[in-house]
Amino acid sequence: MTSARKAAIAAYKERKTIAGVFVIRCKATSETWVGQTPNLEKIQNRIWFTLRQGSHSCRSLQAAWTAHGPDSLTFETCERLEEEETPYIRDALLKERALHWRSRLNAEAV
């Protein structure tokens, strides 16, 4: 393995992930869904993949995707969390903030 490849792998493993809360909105129906994730950079791709496959666990979100198509849905970050020392504290804070945003936006859980 080359030293450049080893360095690239090491850098990938050491990168910081940004946890936070996100909202998905349907322009056609004005529905909203709020979720939390330990990695904001990757969650949209994961959700869009499961929606394309027709296998997303949130039935109302899947129905909106199926009925109105991907162009009717938008993805936004509601809140980014500061780095936490432990995953337990981070996860508890994510749940608390997601509940806040669901209540504020009158949204369903993703």
PDB file of N, CA and C in Angstrom:
ATOM      1  N   MET A   1       0.860  -1.180   0.000  1.00  0.00           N
ATOM      2  CA  MET A   1       0.000   0.000   0.000  1.00  0.00           C
ATOM      3  C   MET A   1       0.902   1.238   0.000  1.00  0.00           C
ATOM      4  N   THR A   2       0.585   2.188  -0.840  1.00  0.00           N
ATOM      5  CA  THR A   2       1.412   3.392  -0.928  1.00  0.00           C
ATOM      6  C   THR A   2       1.211   4.285   0.293  1.00  0.00           C
ATOM      7  N   SER A   3       2.186   5.115   0.537  1.00  0.00           N
ATOM      8  CA  SER A   3       2.077   6.018   1.693  1.00  0.00           C
ATOM      9  C   SER A   3       0.970   7.048   1.486  1.00  0.00           C
ATOM     10  N   ALA A   4       0.734   7.456   0.228  1.00  0.00           N
ATOM     11  CA  ALA A   4      -0.357   8.404  -0.042  1.00  0.00           C
ATOM     12  C   ALA A   4      -1.707   7.770   0.286  1.00  0.00           C
ATOM     13  N   ARG A   5      -1.856   6.508  -0.066  1.00  0.00           N
ATOM     14  CA  ARG A   5      -3.113   5.821   0.227  1.00  0.00           C
ATOM     15  C   ARG A   5      -3.290   5.643   1.742  1.00  0.00           C
ATOM     16  N   LYS A   6      -2.217   5.256   2.420  1.00  0.00           N
ATOM     17  CA  LYS A   6      -2.275   5.118   3.882  1.00  0.00           C
ATOM     18  C   LYS A   6      -2.664   6.439   4.532  1.00  0.00           C
ATOM     19  N   ALA A   7      -2.097   7.533   4.048  1.00  0.00           N
ATOM     20  CA  ALA A   7      -2.405   8.857   4.595  1.00  0.00           C
ATOM     21  C   ALA A   7      -3.864   9.212   4.330  1.00  0.00           C
ATOM     22  N   ALA A   8      -4.365   8.885   3.135  1.00  0.00           N
ATOM     23  CA  ALA A   8      -5.762   9.176   2.809  1.00  0.00           C
ATOM     24  C   ALA A   8      -6.705   8.376   3.695  1.00  0.00           C
ATOM     25  N   ILE A   9      -6.389   7.121   3.941  1.00  0.00           N
ATOM     26  CA  ILE A   9      -7.214   6.282   4.815  1.00  0.00           C
ATOM     27  C   ILE A   9      -7.198   6.813   6.246  1.00  0.00           C
ATOM     28  N   ALA A  10      -6.028   7.185   6.724  1.00  0.00           N
ATOM     29  CA  ALA A  10      -5.905   7.727   8.085  1.00  0.00           C
ATOM     30  C   ALA A  10      -6.703   9.018   8.218  1.00  0.00           C
ATOM     31  N   ALA A  11      -6.625   9.879   7.217  1.00  0.00           N
ATOM     32  CA  ALA A  11      -7.367  11.144   7.255  1.00  0.00           C
ATOM     33  C   ALA A  11      -8.868  10.881   7.254  1.00  0.00           C
ATOM     34  N   TYR A  12      -9.317   9.904   6.478  1.00  0.00           N
ATOM     35  CA  TYR A  12     -10.743   9.553   6.437  1.00  0.00           C
ATOM     36  C   TYR A  12     -11.217   9.082   7.806  1.00  0.00           C
ATOM     37  N   LYS A  13     -10.425   8.249   8.459  1.00  0.00           N
ATOM     38  CA  LYS A  13     -10.807   7.710   9.770  1.00  0.00           C
ATOM     39  C   LYS A  13     -10.821   8.789  10.854  1.00  0.00           C
ATOM     40  N   GLU A  14      -9.995   9.827  10.691  1.00  0.00           N
ATOM     41  CA  GLU A  14      -9.890  10.868  11.711  1.00  0.00           C
ATOM     42  C   GLU A  14     -10.823  12.051  11.494  1.00  0.00           C
ATOM     43  N   ARG A  15     -11.552  12.063  10.390  1.00  0.00           N
ATOM     44  CA  ARG A  15     -12.414  13.207  10.090  1.00  0.00           C
ATOM     45  C   ARG A  15     -13.504  13.350  11.148  1.00  0.00           C
ATOM     46  N   LYS A  16     -13.916  14.558  11.339  1.00  0.00           N
ATOM     47  CA  LYS A  16     -14.969  14.852  12.308  1.00  0.00           C
ATOM     48  C   LYS A  16     -16.326  14.750  11.609  1.00  0.00           C
ATOM     49  N   THR A  17     -17.268  14.127  12.279  1.00  0.00           N
ATOM     50  CA  THR A  17     -18.629  14.097  11.745  1.00  0.00           C
ATOM     51  C   THR A  17     -19.445  15.129  12.506  1.00  0.00           C
ATOM     52  N   ILE A  18     -20.432  15.691  11.826  1.00  0.00           N
ATOM     53  CA  ILE A  18     -21.274  16.713  12.425  1.00  0.00           C
ATOM     54  C   ILE A  18     -22.651  16.112  12.675  1.00  0.00           C
ATOM     55  N   ALA A  19     -23.031  16.059  13.941  1.00  0.00           N
ATOM     56  CA  ALA A  19     -24.347  15.548  14.319  1.00  0.00           C
ATOM     57  C   ALA A  19     -25.348  16.689  14.259  1.00  0.00           C
ATOM     58  N   GLY A  20     -26.614  16.351  14.062  1.00  0.00           N
ATOM     59  CA  GLY A  20     -27.613  17.404  14.055  1.00  0.00           C
ATOM     60  C   GLY A  20     -29.011  16.925  13.743  1.00  0.00           C
ATOM     61  N   VAL A  21     -29.872  17.912  13.563  1.00  0.00           N
ATOM     62  CA  VAL A  21     -31.287  17.689  13.294  1.00  0.00           C
ATOM     63  C   VAL A  21     -31.578  18.240  11.897  1.00  0.00           C
ATOM     64  N   PHE A  22     -32.399  17.513  11.141  1.00  0.00           N
ATOM     65  CA  PHE A  22     -32.728  17.923   9.779  1.00  0.00           C
ATOM     66  C   PHE A  22     -34.229  17.887   9.556  1.00  0.00           C
ATOM     67  N   VAL A  23     -34.670  18.596   8.515  1.00  0.00           N
ATOM     68  CA  VAL A  23     -36.083  18.605   8.152  1.00  0.00           C
ATOM     69  C   VAL A  23     -36.204  18.290   6.665  1.00  0.00           C
ATOM     70  N   ILE A  24     -37.200  17.482   6.326  1.00  0.00           N
ATOM     71  CA  ILE A  24     -37.556  17.203   4.938  1.00  0.00           C
ATOM     72  C   ILE A  24     -38.942  17.783   4.738  1.00  0.00           C
ATOM     73  N   ARG A  25     -39.104  18.553   3.680  1.00  0.00           N
ATOM     74  CA  ARG A  25     -40.392  19.186   3.383  1.00  0.00           C
ATOM     75  C   ARG A  25     -40.880  18.731   2.015  1.00  0.00           C
ATOM     76  N   CYS A  26     -42.201  18.567   1.915  1.00  0.00           N
ATOM     77  CA  CYS A  26     -42.824  18.264   0.633  1.00  0.00           C
ATOM     78  C   CYS A  26     -43.497  19.537   0.140  1.00  0.00           C
ATOM     79  N   LYS A  27     -43.041  20.047  -1.002  1.00  0.00           N
ATOM     80  CA  LYS A  27     -43.599  21.285  -1.558  1.00  0.00           C
ATOM     81  C   LYS A  27     -45.049  21.081  -1.994  1.00  0.00           C
ATOM     82  N   ALA A  28     -45.387  19.876  -2.456  1.00  0.00           N
ATOM     83  CA  ALA A  28     -46.728  19.615  -2.988  1.00  0.00           C
ATOM     84  C   ALA A  28     -47.793  19.558  -1.892  1.00  0.00           C
ATOM     85  N   THR A  29     -47.434  19.017  -0.723  1.00  0.00           N
ATOM     86  CA  THR A  29     -48.435  18.810   0.331  1.00  0.00           C
ATOM     87  C   THR A  29     -48.192  19.632   1.592  1.00  0.00           C
ATOM     88  N   SER A  30     -47.056  20.307   1.672  1.00  0.00           N
ATOM     89  CA  SER A  30     -46.644  21.073   2.858  1.00  0.00           C
ATOM     90  C   SER A  30     -46.399  20.191   4.080  1.00  0.00           C
ATOM     91  N   GLU A  31     -46.257  18.891   3.890  1.00  0.00           N
ATOM     92  CA  GLU A  31     -45.914  18.002   5.004  1.00  0.00           C
ATOM     93  C   GLU A  31     -44.452  18.219   5.369  1.00  0.00           C
ATOM     94  N   THR A  32     -44.125  17.960   6.636  1.00  0.00           N
ATOM     95  CA  THR A  32     -42.743  18.048   7.092  1.00  0.00           C
ATOM     96  C   THR A  32     -42.397  16.847   7.955  1.00  0.00           C
ATOM     97  N   TRP A  33     -41.148  16.459   7.880  1.00  0.00           N
ATOM     98  CA  TRP A  33     -40.617  15.372   8.683  1.00  0.00           C
ATOM     99  C   TRP A  33     -39.303  15.838   9.282  1.00  0.00           C
ATOM    100  N   VAL A  34     -39.081  15.512  10.548  1.00  0.00           N
ATOM    101  CA  VAL A  34     -37.854  15.912  11.243  1.00  0.00           C
ATOM    102  C   VAL A  34     -37.165  14.663  11.763  1.00  0.00           C
ATOM    103  N   GLY A  35     -35.855  14.630  11.621  1.00  0.00           N
ATOM    104  CA  GLY A  35     -35.071  13.515  12.132  1.00  0.00           C
ATOM    105  C   GLY A  35     -33.759  13.993  12.704  1.00  0.00           C
ATOM    106  N   GLN A  36     -33.073  13.082  13.388  1.00  0.00           N
ATOM    107  CA  GLN A  36     -31.770  13.400  13.950  1.00  0.00           C
ATOM    108  C   GLN A  36     -30.767  12.377  13.447  1.00  0.00           C
ATOM    109  N   THR A  37     -29.498  12.791  13.398  1.00  0.00           N
ATOM    110  CA  THR A  37     -28.458  11.904  12.894  1.00  0.00           C
ATOM    111  C   THR A  37     -27.110  12.256  13.502  1.00  0.00           C
ATOM    112  N   PRO A  38     -26.260  11.269  13.702  1.00  0.00           N
ATOM    113  CA  PRO A  38     -24.902  11.571  14.146  1.00  0.00           C
ATOM    114  C   PRO A  38     -24.010  12.060  13.004  1.00  0.00           C
ATOM    115  N   ASN A  39     -24.508  11.997  11.750  1.00  0.00           N
ATOM    116  CA  ASN A  39     -23.699  12.410  10.608  1.00  0.00           C
ATOM    117  C   ASN A  39     -24.565  13.125   9.570  1.00  0.00           C
ATOM    118  N   LEU A  40     -24.642  14.442   9.670  1.00  0.00           N
ATOM    119  CA  LEU A  40     -25.471  15.230   8.752  1.00  0.00           C
ATOM    120  C   LEU A  40     -25.009  15.140   7.301  1.00  0.00           C
ATOM    121  N   GLU A  41     -23.713  14.917   7.091  1.00  0.00           N
ATOM    122  CA  GLU A  41     -23.193  14.896   5.728  1.00  0.00           C
ATOM    123  C   GLU A  41     -23.723  13.730   4.906  1.00  0.00           C
ATOM    124  N   LYS A  42     -24.082  12.633   5.556  1.00  0.00           N
ATOM    125  CA  LYS A  42     -24.445  11.421   4.819  1.00  0.00           C
ATOM    126  C   LYS A  42     -25.917  11.056   4.874  1.00  0.00           C
ATOM    127  N   ILE A  43     -26.688  11.665   5.739  1.00  0.00           N
ATOM    128  CA  ILE A  43     -28.056  11.194   5.958  1.00  0.00           C
ATOM    129  C   ILE A  43     -28.962  11.404   4.746  1.00  0.00           C
ATOM    130  N   GLN A  44     -28.818  12.504   4.034  1.00  0.00           N
ATOM    131  CA  GLN A  44     -29.717  12.730   2.894  1.00  0.00           C
ATOM    132  C   GLN A  44     -29.533  11.639   1.840  1.00  0.00           C
ATOM    133  N   ASN A  45     -28.308  11.283   1.531  1.00  0.00           N
ATOM    134  CA  ASN A  45     -28.079  10.222   0.550  1.00  0.00           C
ATOM    135  C   ASN A  45     -28.707   8.908   0.995  1.00  0.00           C
ATOM    136  N   ARG A  46     -28.598   8.598   2.283  1.00  0.00           N
ATOM    137  CA  ARG A  46     -29.171   7.358   2.800  1.00  0.00           C
ATOM    138  C   ARG A  46     -30.692   7.372   2.675  1.00  0.00           C
ATOM    139  N   ILE A  47     -31.317   8.494   3.046  1.00  0.00           N
ATOM    140  CA  ILE A  47     -32.784   8.587   2.970  1.00  0.00           C
ATOM    141  C   ILE A  47     -33.255   8.536   1.526  1.00  0.00           C
ATOM    142  N   TRP A  48     -32.618   9.314   0.650  1.00  0.00           N
ATOM    143  CA  TRP A  48     -33.022   9.324  -0.763  1.00  0.00           C
ATOM    144  C   TRP A  48     -32.851   7.935  -1.387  1.00  0.00           C
ATOM    145  N   PHE A  49     -31.803   7.207  -0.991  1.00  0.00           N
ATOM    146  CA  PHE A  49     -31.602   5.848  -1.509  1.00  0.00           C
ATOM    147  C   PHE A  49     -32.768   4.947  -1.125  1.00  0.00           C
ATOM    148  N   THR A  50     -33.152   4.961   0.162  1.00  0.00           N
ATOM    149  CA  THR A  50     -34.254   4.083   0.593  1.00  0.00           C
ATOM    150  C   THR A  50     -35.574   4.511  -0.039  1.00  0.00           C
ATOM    151  N   LEU A  51     -35.755   5.809  -0.257  1.00  0.00           N
ATOM    152  CA  LEU A  51     -36.973   6.271  -0.925  1.00  0.00           C
ATOM    153  C   LEU A  51     -37.008   5.796  -2.379  1.00  0.00           C
ATOM    154  N   ARG A  52     -35.881   5.870  -3.071  1.00  0.00           N
ATOM    155  CA  ARG A  52     -35.824   5.377  -4.461  1.00  0.00           C
ATOM    156  C   ARG A  52     -36.126   3.888  -4.529  1.00  0.00           C
ATOM    157  N   GLN A  53     -35.701   3.152  -3.510  1.00  0.00           N
ATOM    158  CA  GLN A  53     -35.928   1.708  -3.465  1.00  0.00           C
ATOM    159  C   GLN A  53     -37.359   1.370  -3.050  1.00  0.00           C
ATOM    160  N   GLY A  54     -38.092   2.376  -2.554  1.00  0.00           N
ATOM    161  CA  GLY A  54     -39.453   2.135  -2.072  1.00  0.00           C
ATOM    162  C   GLY A  54     -39.493   1.440  -0.722  1.00  0.00           C
ATOM    163  N   SER A  55     -38.407   1.585   0.041  1.00  0.00           N
ATOM    164  CA  SER A  55     -38.308   0.825   1.288  1.00  0.00           C
ATOM    165  C   SER A  55     -38.091   1.692   2.526  1.00  0.00           C
ATOM    166  N   HIS A  56     -38.418   2.972   2.452  1.00  0.00           N
ATOM    167  CA  HIS A  56     -38.213   3.819   3.636  1.00  0.00           C
ATOM    168  C   HIS A  56     -39.217   3.429   4.717  1.00  0.00           C
ATOM    169  N   SER A  57     -38.772   3.433   5.964  1.00  0.00           N
ATOM    170  CA  SER A  57     -39.624   2.988   7.071  1.00  0.00           C
ATOM    171  C   SER A  57     -40.732   3.982   7.417  1.00  0.00           C
ATOM    172  N   CYS A  58     -40.580   5.238   7.056  1.00  0.00           N
ATOM    173  CA  CYS A  58     -41.632   6.231   7.315  1.00  0.00           C
ATOM    174  C   CYS A  58     -42.595   6.200   6.126  1.00  0.00           C
ATOM    175  N   ARG A  59     -43.735   5.596   6.334  1.00  0.00           N
ATOM    176  CA  ARG A  59     -44.701   5.374   5.252  1.00  0.00           C
ATOM    177  C   ARG A  59     -45.214   6.675   4.638  1.00  0.00           C
ATOM    178  N   SER A  60     -45.438   7.706   5.449  1.00  0.00           N
ATOM    179  CA  SER A  60     -45.961   8.956   4.898  1.00  0.00           C
ATOM    180  C   SER A  60     -44.922   9.653   4.026  1.00  0.00           C
ATOM    181  N   LEU A  61     -43.656   9.577   4.410  1.00  0.00           N
ATOM    182  CA  LEU A  61     -42.590  10.150   3.596  1.00  0.00           C
ATOM    183  C   LEU A  61     -42.460   9.370   2.290  1.00  0.00           C
ATOM    184  N   GLN A  62     -42.509   8.048   2.377  1.00  0.00           N
ATOM    185  CA  GLN A  62     -42.434   7.224   1.179  1.00  0.00           C
ATOM    186  C   GLN A  62     -43.606   7.516   0.249  1.00  0.00           C
ATOM    187  N   ALA A  63     -44.797   7.697   0.813  1.00  0.00           N
ATOM    188  CA  ALA A  63     -45.981   8.000  -0.002  1.00  0.00           C
ATOM    189  C   ALA A  63     -45.836   9.345  -0.712  1.00  0.00           C
ATOM    190  N   ALA A  64     -45.285  10.335  -0.026  1.00  0.00           N
ATOM    191  CA  ALA A  64     -45.080  11.649  -0.646  1.00  0.00           C
ATOM    192  C   ALA A  64     -44.071  11.546  -1.790  1.00  0.00           C
ATOM    193  N   TRP A  65     -43.004  10.795  -1.573  1.00  0.00           N
ATOM    194  CA  TRP A  65     -41.987  10.593  -2.611  1.00  0.00           C
ATOM    195  C   TRP A  65     -42.611   9.894  -3.826  1.00  0.00           C
ATOM    196  N   THR A  66     -43.382   8.853  -3.572  1.00  0.00           N
ATOM    197  CA  THR A  66     -43.982   8.069  -4.648  1.00  0.00           C
ATOM    198  C   THR A  66     -45.005   8.901  -5.425  1.00  0.00           C
ATOM    199  N   ALA A  67     -45.802   9.666  -4.718  1.00  0.00           N
ATOM    200  CA  ALA A  67     -46.869  10.441  -5.365  1.00  0.00           C
ATOM    201  C   ALA A  67     -46.350  11.677  -6.091  1.00  0.00           C
ATOM    202  N   HIS A  68     -45.359  12.349  -5.522  1.00  0.00           N
ATOM    203  CA  HIS A  68     -44.960  13.653  -6.046  1.00  0.00           C
ATOM    204  C   HIS A  68     -43.549  13.690  -6.629  1.00  0.00           C
ATOM    205  N   GLY A  69     -42.767  12.656  -6.395  1.00  0.00           N
ATOM    206  CA  GLY A  69     -41.426  12.591  -6.963  1.00  0.00           C
ATOM    207  C   GLY A  69     -40.376  13.297  -6.134  1.00  0.00           C
ATOM    208  N   PRO A  70     -39.108  13.028  -6.445  1.00  0.00           N
ATOM    209  CA  PRO A  70     -38.004  13.579  -5.651  1.00  0.00           C
ATOM    210  C   PRO A  70     -37.888  15.097  -5.732  1.00  0.00           C
ATOM    211  N   ASP A  71     -38.334  15.695  -6.816  1.00  0.00           N
ATOM    212  CA  ASP A  71     -38.214  17.153  -6.945  1.00  0.00           C
ATOM    213  C   ASP A  71     -39.134  17.909  -6.003  1.00  0.00           C
ATOM    214  N   SER A  72     -40.129  17.218  -5.445  1.00  0.00           N
ATOM    215  CA  SER A  72     -41.049  17.895  -4.529  1.00  0.00           C
ATOM    216  C   SER A  72     -40.522  17.915  -3.092  1.00  0.00           C
ATOM    217  N   LEU A  73     -39.452  17.160  -2.813  1.00  0.00           N
ATOM    218  CA  LEU A  73     -38.912  17.104  -1.457  1.00  0.00           C
ATOM    219  C   LEU A  73     -37.638  17.932  -1.334  1.00  0.00           C
ATOM    220  N   THR A  74     -37.520  18.629  -0.216  1.00  0.00           N
ATOM    221  CA  THR A  74     -36.312  19.381   0.079  1.00  0.00           C
ATOM    222  C   THR A  74     -35.731  18.895   1.400  1.00  0.00           C
ATOM    223  N   PHE A  75     -34.432  19.015   1.537  1.00  0.00           N
ATOM    224  CA  PHE A  75     -33.711  18.602   2.735  1.00  0.00           C
ATOM    225  C   PHE A  75     -32.973  19.808   3.281  1.00  0.00           C
ATOM    226  N   GLU A  76     -33.149  20.080   4.574  1.00  0.00           N
ATOM    227  CA  GLU A  76     -32.473  21.214   5.214  1.00  0.00           C
ATOM    228  C   GLU A  76     -31.936  20.790   6.574  1.00  0.00           C
ATOM    229  N   THR A  77     -30.859  21.422   6.974  1.00  0.00           N
ATOM    230  CA  THR A  77     -30.342  21.236   8.324  1.00  0.00           C
ATOM    231  C   THR A  77     -31.044  22.236   9.237  1.00  0.00           C
ATOM    232  N   CYS A  78     -31.620  21.754  10.328  1.00  0.00           N
ATOM    233  CA  CYS A  78     -32.250  22.642  11.323  1.00  0.00           C
ATOM    234  C   CYS A  78     -31.224  23.127  12.329  1.00  0.00           C
ATOM    235  N   GLU A  79     -30.392  22.195  12.751  1.00  0.00           N
ATOM    236  CA  GLU A  79     -29.480  22.519  13.847  1.00  0.00           C
ATOM    237  C   GLU A  79     -28.282  21.583  13.811  1.00  0.00           C
ATOM    238  N   ARG A  80     -27.106  22.159  14.011  1.00  0.00           N
ATOM    239  CA  ARG A  80     -25.877  21.376  14.139  1.00  0.00           C
ATOM    240  C   ARG A  80     -25.489  21.362  15.608  1.00  0.00           C
ATOM    241  N   LEU A  81     -25.017  20.224  16.078  1.00  0.00           N
ATOM    242  CA  LEU A  81     -24.613  20.118  17.477  1.00  0.00           C
ATOM    243  C   LEU A  81     -23.109  20.299  17.609  1.00  0.00           C
ATOM    244  N   GLU A  82     -22.735  20.896  18.709  1.00  0.00           N
ATOM    245  CA  GLU A  82     -21.317  20.989  19.036  1.00  0.00           C
ATOM    246  C   GLU A  82     -20.827  19.573  19.330  1.00  0.00           C
ATOM    247  N   GLU A  83     -19.531  19.376  19.198  1.00  0.00           N
ATOM    248  CA  GLU A  83     -18.968  18.057  19.477  1.00  0.00           C
ATOM    249  C   GLU A  83     -19.213  17.698  20.938  1.00  0.00           C
ATOM    250  N   GLU A  84     -19.635  16.471  21.148  1.00  0.00           N
ATOM    251  CA  GLU A  84     -19.848  15.961  22.503  1.00  0.00           C
ATOM    252  C   GLU A  84     -18.770  14.932  22.822  1.00  0.00           C
ATOM    253  N   GLU A  85     -18.487  14.807  24.100  1.00  0.00           N
ATOM    254  CA  GLU A  85     -17.451  13.873  24.521  1.00  0.00           C
ATOM    255  C   GLU A  85     -17.859  12.415  24.301  1.00  0.00           C
ATOM    256  N   THR A  86     -19.109  12.100  24.617  1.00  0.00           N
ATOM    257  CA  THR A  86     -19.531  10.701  24.533  1.00  0.00           C
ATOM    258  C   THR A  86     -20.734  10.560  23.596  1.00  0.00           C
ATOM    259  N   PRO A  87     -20.806   9.435  22.926  1.00  0.00           N
ATOM    260  CA  PRO A  87     -21.971   9.188  22.064  1.00  0.00           C
ATOM    261  C   PRO A  87     -23.288   9.208  22.844  1.00  0.00           C
ATOM    262  N   TYR A  88     -23.265   8.767  24.099  1.00  0.00           N
ATOM    263  CA  TYR A  88     -24.487   8.749  24.906  1.00  0.00           C
ATOM    264  C   TYR A  88     -25.051  10.162  25.077  1.00  0.00           C
ATOM    265  N   ILE A  89     -24.203  11.102  25.436  1.00  0.00           N
ATOM    266  CA  ILE A  89     -24.640  12.495  25.621  1.00  0.00           C
ATOM    267  C   ILE A  89     -25.110  13.076  24.291  1.00  0.00           C
ATOM    268  N   ARG A  90     -24.352  12.819  23.230  1.00  0.00           N
ATOM    269  CA  ARG A  90     -24.728  13.306  21.900  1.00  0.00           C
ATOM    270  C   ARG A  90     -26.097  12.771  21.489  1.00  0.00           C
ATOM    271  N   ASP A  91     -26.326  11.471  21.669  1.00  0.00           N
ATOM    272  CA  ASP A  91     -27.593  10.867  21.258  1.00  0.00           C
ATOM    273  C   ASP A  91     -28.768  11.405  22.071  1.00  0.00           C
ATOM    274  N   ALA A  92     -28.565  11.606  23.364  1.00  0.00           N
ATOM    275  CA  ALA A  92     -29.624  12.165  24.203  1.00  0.00           C
ATOM    276  C   ALA A  92     -29.962  13.590  23.770  1.00  0.00           C
ATOM    277  N   LEU A  93     -28.942  14.365  23.482  1.00  0.00           N
ATOM    278  CA  LEU A  93     -29.146  15.743  23.033  1.00  0.00           C
ATOM    279  C   LEU A  93     -29.831  15.773  21.667  1.00  0.00           C
ATOM    280  N   LEU A  94     -29.443  14.875  20.774  1.00  0.00           N
ATOM    281  CA  LEU A  94     -30.094  14.792  19.459  1.00  0.00           C
ATOM    282  C   LEU A  94     -31.585  14.503  19.600  1.00  0.00           C
ATOM    283  N   LYS A  95     -31.934  13.553  20.459  1.00  0.00           N
ATOM    284  CA  LYS A  95     -33.352  13.219  20.661  1.00  0.00           C
ATOM    285  C   LYS A  95     -34.123  14.418  21.199  1.00  0.00           C
ATOM    286  N   GLU A  96     -33.536  15.097  22.164  1.00  0.00           N
ATOM    287  CA  GLU A  96     -34.181  16.269  22.762  1.00  0.00           C
ATOM    288  C   GLU A  96     -34.401  17.372  21.725  1.00  0.00           C
ATOM    289  N   ARG A  97     -33.388  17.658  20.917  1.00  0.00           N
ATOM    290  CA  ARG A  97     -33.495  18.723  19.915  1.00  0.00           C
ATOM    291  C   ARG A  97     -34.449  18.338  18.783  1.00  0.00           C
ATOM    292  N   ALA A  98     -34.473  17.066  18.409  1.00  0.00           N
ATOM    293  CA  ALA A  98     -35.399  16.617  17.368  1.00  0.00           C
ATOM    294  C   ALA A  98     -36.841  16.766  17.849  1.00  0.00           C
ATOM    295  N   LEU A  99     -37.101  16.437  19.104  1.00  0.00           N
ATOM    296  CA  LEU A  99     -38.453  16.624  19.662  1.00  0.00           C
ATOM    297  C   LEU A  99     -38.845  18.096  19.635  1.00  0.00           C
ATOM    298  N   HIS A 100     -37.906  18.957  19.985  1.00  0.00           N
ATOM    299  CA  HIS A 100     -38.155  20.399  19.943  1.00  0.00           C
ATOM    300  C   HIS A 100     -38.559  20.826  18.539  1.00  0.00           C
ATOM    301  N   TRP A 101     -37.797  20.415  17.530  1.00  0.00           N
ATOM    302  CA  TRP A 101     -38.069  20.828  16.148  1.00  0.00           C
ATOM    303  C   TRP A 101     -39.354  20.207  15.620  1.00  0.00           C
ATOM    304  N   ARG A 102     -39.654  18.967  15.995  1.00  0.00           N
ATOM    305  CA  ARG A 102     -40.922  18.356  15.568  1.00  0.00           C
ATOM    306  C   ARG A 102     -42.099  19.150  16.104  1.00  0.00           C
ATOM    307  N   SER A 103     -42.007  19.529  17.353  1.00  0.00           N
ATOM    308  CA  SER A 103     -43.071  20.314  17.970  1.00  0.00           C
ATOM    309  C   SER A 103     -43.183  21.683  17.314  1.00  0.00           C
ATOM    310  N   ARG A 104     -42.074  22.338  17.115  1.00  0.00           N
ATOM    311  CA  ARG A 104     -42.055  23.679  16.545  1.00  0.00           C
ATOM    312  C   ARG A 104     -42.587  23.718  15.102  1.00  0.00           C
ATOM    313  N   LEU A 105     -42.234  22.665  14.327  1.00  0.00           N
ATOM    314  CA  LEU A 105     -42.616  22.628  12.912  1.00  0.00           C
ATOM    315  C   LEU A 105     -43.871  21.784  12.655  1.00  0.00           C
ATOM    316  N   ASN A 106     -44.442  21.231  13.721  1.00  0.00           N
ATOM    317  CA  ASN A 106     -45.597  20.343  13.582  1.00  0.00           C
ATOM    318  C   ASN A 106     -45.298  19.234  12.565  1.00  0.00           C
ATOM    319  N   ALA A 107     -44.196  18.544  12.809  1.00  0.00           N
ATOM    320  CA  ALA A 107     -43.688  17.573  11.854  1.00  0.00           C
ATOM    321  C   ALA A 107     -43.742  16.154  12.412  1.00  0.00           C
ATOM    322  N   GLU A 108     -43.693  15.198  11.493  1.00  0.00           N
ATOM    323  CA  GLU A 108     -43.598  13.794  11.853  1.00  0.00           C
ATOM    324  C   GLU A 108     -42.128  13.413  12.033  1.00  0.00           C
ATOM    325  N   ALA A 109     -41.908  12.276  12.655  1.00  0.00           N
ATOM    326  CA  ALA A 109     -40.547  11.745  12.788  1.00  0.00           C
ATOM    327  C   ALA A 109     -40.150  11.028  11.511  1.00  0.00           C
ATOM    328  N   VAL A 110     -38.873  11.097  11.189  1.00  0.00           N
ATOM    329  CA  VAL A 110     -38.342  10.326  10.040  1.00  0.00           C
ATOM    330  C   VAL A 110     -37.726   9.085  10.597  1.00  0.00           C
TER     331      VAL A 110
END
